[in-house]
C-alpha atoms as a PDB file:
ATOM      1  CA  UNK A   1      25.107  22.306 -29.774  1.00  0.00           C
ATOM      2  CA  UNK A   2      27.623  21.255 -32.376  1.00  0.00           C
ATOM      3  CA  UNK A   3      29.310  17.937 -32.981  1.00  0.00           C
ATOM      4  CA  UNK A   4      32.339  19.132 -31.028  1.00  0.00           C
ATOM      5  CA  UNK A   5      30.285  19.436 -27.844  1.00  0.00           C
ATOM      6  CA  UNK A   6      28.466  16.141 -28.165  1.00  0.00           C
ATOM      7  CA  UNK A   7      31.139  13.537 -28.715  1.00  0.00           C
ATOM      8  CA  UNK A   8      29.868   9.996 -29.023  1.00  0.00           C
ATOM      9  CA  UNK A   9      31.527   7.458 -26.748  1.00  0.00           C
ATOM     10  CA  UNK A  10      32.650   4.492 -28.788  1.00  0.00           C
ATOM     11  CA  UNK A  11      32.034   1.904 -26.091  1.00  0.00           C
ATOM     12  CA  UNK A  12      28.338   2.745 -25.654  1.00  0.00           C
ATOM     13  CA  UNK A  13      25.421   1.609 -27.779  1.00  0.00           C
ATOM     14  CA  UNK A  14      23.369   4.010 -29.825  1.00  0.00           C
ATOM     15  CA  UNK A  15      19.626   4.266 -29.272  1.00  0.00           C
ATOM     16  CA  UNK A  16      19.107   2.443 -32.580  1.00  0.00           C
ATOM     17  CA  UNK A  17      21.290  -0.461 -31.418  1.00  0.00           C
ATOM     18  CA  UNK A  18      19.513  -0.602 -28.056  1.00  0.00           C
ATOM     19  CA  UNK A  19      16.106  -0.684 -29.742  1.00  0.00           C
ATOM     20  CA  UNK A  20      17.252  -3.494 -32.044  1.00  0.00           C
ATOM     21  CA  UNK A  21      18.491  -5.455 -29.010  1.00  0.00           C
ATOM     22  CA  UNK A  22      15.155  -4.863 -27.198  1.00  0.00           C
ATOM     23  CA  UNK A  23      13.224  -6.148 -30.197  1.00  0.00           C
ATOM     24  CA  UNK A  24      15.492  -9.192 -30.533  1.00  0.00           C
ATOM     25  CA  UNK A  25      15.150  -9.997 -26.835  1.00  0.00           C
ATOM     26  CA  UNK A  26      11.347  -9.639 -27.029  1.00  0.00           C
ATOM     27  CA  UNK A  27      11.262 -11.979 -30.036  1.00  0.00           C
ATOM     28  CA  UNK A  28      13.498 -14.505 -28.265  1.00  0.00           C
ATOM     29  CA  UNK A  29      11.299 -14.414 -25.143  1.00  0.00           C
ATOM     30  CA  UNK A  30       8.124 -14.843 -27.226  1.00  0.00           C
ATOM     31  CA  UNK A  31       9.639 -17.871 -28.984  1.00  0.00           C
ATOM     32  CA  UNK A  32      10.780 -19.333 -25.650  1.00  0.00           C
ATOM     33  CA  UNK A  33       7.318 -18.954 -24.112  1.00  0.00           C
ATOM     34  CA  UNK A  34       5.607 -20.287 -27.267  1.00  0.00           C
ATOM     35  CA  UNK A  35       7.765 -23.405 -26.997  1.00  0.00           C
ATOM     36  CA  UNK A  36       6.479 -23.962 -23.455  1.00  0.00           C
ATOM     37  CA  UNK A  37       9.274 -22.254 -21.573  1.00  0.00           C
ATOM     38  CA  UNK A  38       8.525 -20.525 -18.303  1.00  0.00           C
ATOM     39  CA  UNK A  39      10.419 -17.680 -16.671  1.00  0.00           C
ATOM     40  CA  UNK A  40      10.720 -17.766 -12.889  1.00  0.00           C
ATOM     41  CA  UNK A  41      10.463 -14.329 -11.325  1.00  0.00           C
ATOM     42  CA  UNK A  42      12.268 -14.049  -8.013  1.00  0.00           C
ATOM     43  CA  UNK A  43      11.317 -11.640  -5.271  1.00  0.00           C
ATOM     44  CA  UNK A  44      13.436  -9.488  -3.041  1.00  0.00           C
ATOM     45  CA  UNK A  45      12.692 -10.679   0.466  1.00  0.00           C
ATOM     46  CA  UNK A  46      14.577  -8.436   2.892  1.00  0.00           C
ATOM     47  CA  UNK A  47      16.484  -9.798   5.865  1.00  0.00           C
ATOM     48  CA  UNK A  48      15.259  -8.634   9.252  1.00  0.00           C
ATOM     49  CA  UNK A  49      18.286  -6.995  10.830  1.00  0.00           C
ATOM     50  CA  UNK A  50      16.760  -7.279  14.291  1.00  0.00           C
ATOM     51  CA  UNK A  51      17.058 -11.063  14.396  1.00  0.00           C
ATOM     52  CA  UNK A  52      20.169 -11.903  12.354  1.00  0.00           C
ATOM     53  CA  UNK A  53      23.391 -10.128  11.478  1.00  0.00           C
ATOM     54  CA  UNK A  54      24.996 -10.029   8.061  1.00  0.00           C
ATOM     55  CA  UNK A  55      27.791 -12.252   9.366  1.00  0.00           C
ATOM     56  CA  UNK A  56      25.265 -14.847  10.554  1.00  0.00           C
ATOM     57  CA  UNK A  57      23.651 -14.819   7.098  1.00  0.00           C
ATOM     58  CA  UNK A  58      27.002 -15.455   5.434  1.00  0.00           C
ATOM     59  CA  UNK A  59      28.064 -18.141   7.906  1.00  0.00           C
ATOM     60  CA  UNK A  60      24.894 -20.154   8.050  1.00  0.00           C
ATOM     61  CA  UNK A  61      21.697 -18.205   7.649  1.00  0.00           C
ATOM     62  CA  UNK A  62      18.493 -19.528   9.140  1.00  0.00           C
ATOM     63  CA  UNK A  63      19.831 -23.090   9.506  1.00  0.00           C
ATOM     64  CA  UNK A  64      22.627 -21.929  11.786  1.00  0.00           C
ATOM     65  CA  UNK A  65      20.198 -19.937  13.911  1.00  0.00           C
ATOM     66  CA  UNK A  66      17.798 -22.898  14.223  1.00  0.00           C
ATOM     67  CA  UNK A  67      20.583 -25.206  15.404  1.00  0.00           C
ATOM     68  CA  UNK A  68      21.700 -22.718  18.050  1.00  0.00           C
ATOM     69  CA  UNK A  69      18.163 -22.271  19.345  1.00  0.00           C
ATOM     70  CA  UNK A  70      17.760 -26.026  19.668  1.00  0.00           C
ATOM     71  CA  UNK A  71      20.884 -26.242  21.850  1.00  0.00           C
ATOM     72  CA  UNK A  72      19.784 -23.435  24.160  1.00  0.00           C
ATOM     73  CA  UNK A  73      16.300 -24.790  24.806  1.00  0.00           C
END
């Protein structure tokens, strides 16, 4: 393949630039952790679609459901 067929996009990073950014990020994280910093890793808890709709999540989530249950009982 010649240079005509493989045109580089000017708004994307080269693999060399990406590797430099990876190394810089790794160094920054190591310095942060060495200084006592901690990174909180969040999970991806799914919403059970059988008990709550997307609209209910947006409008009040579990708190709104708990209040409604208290009124019915």
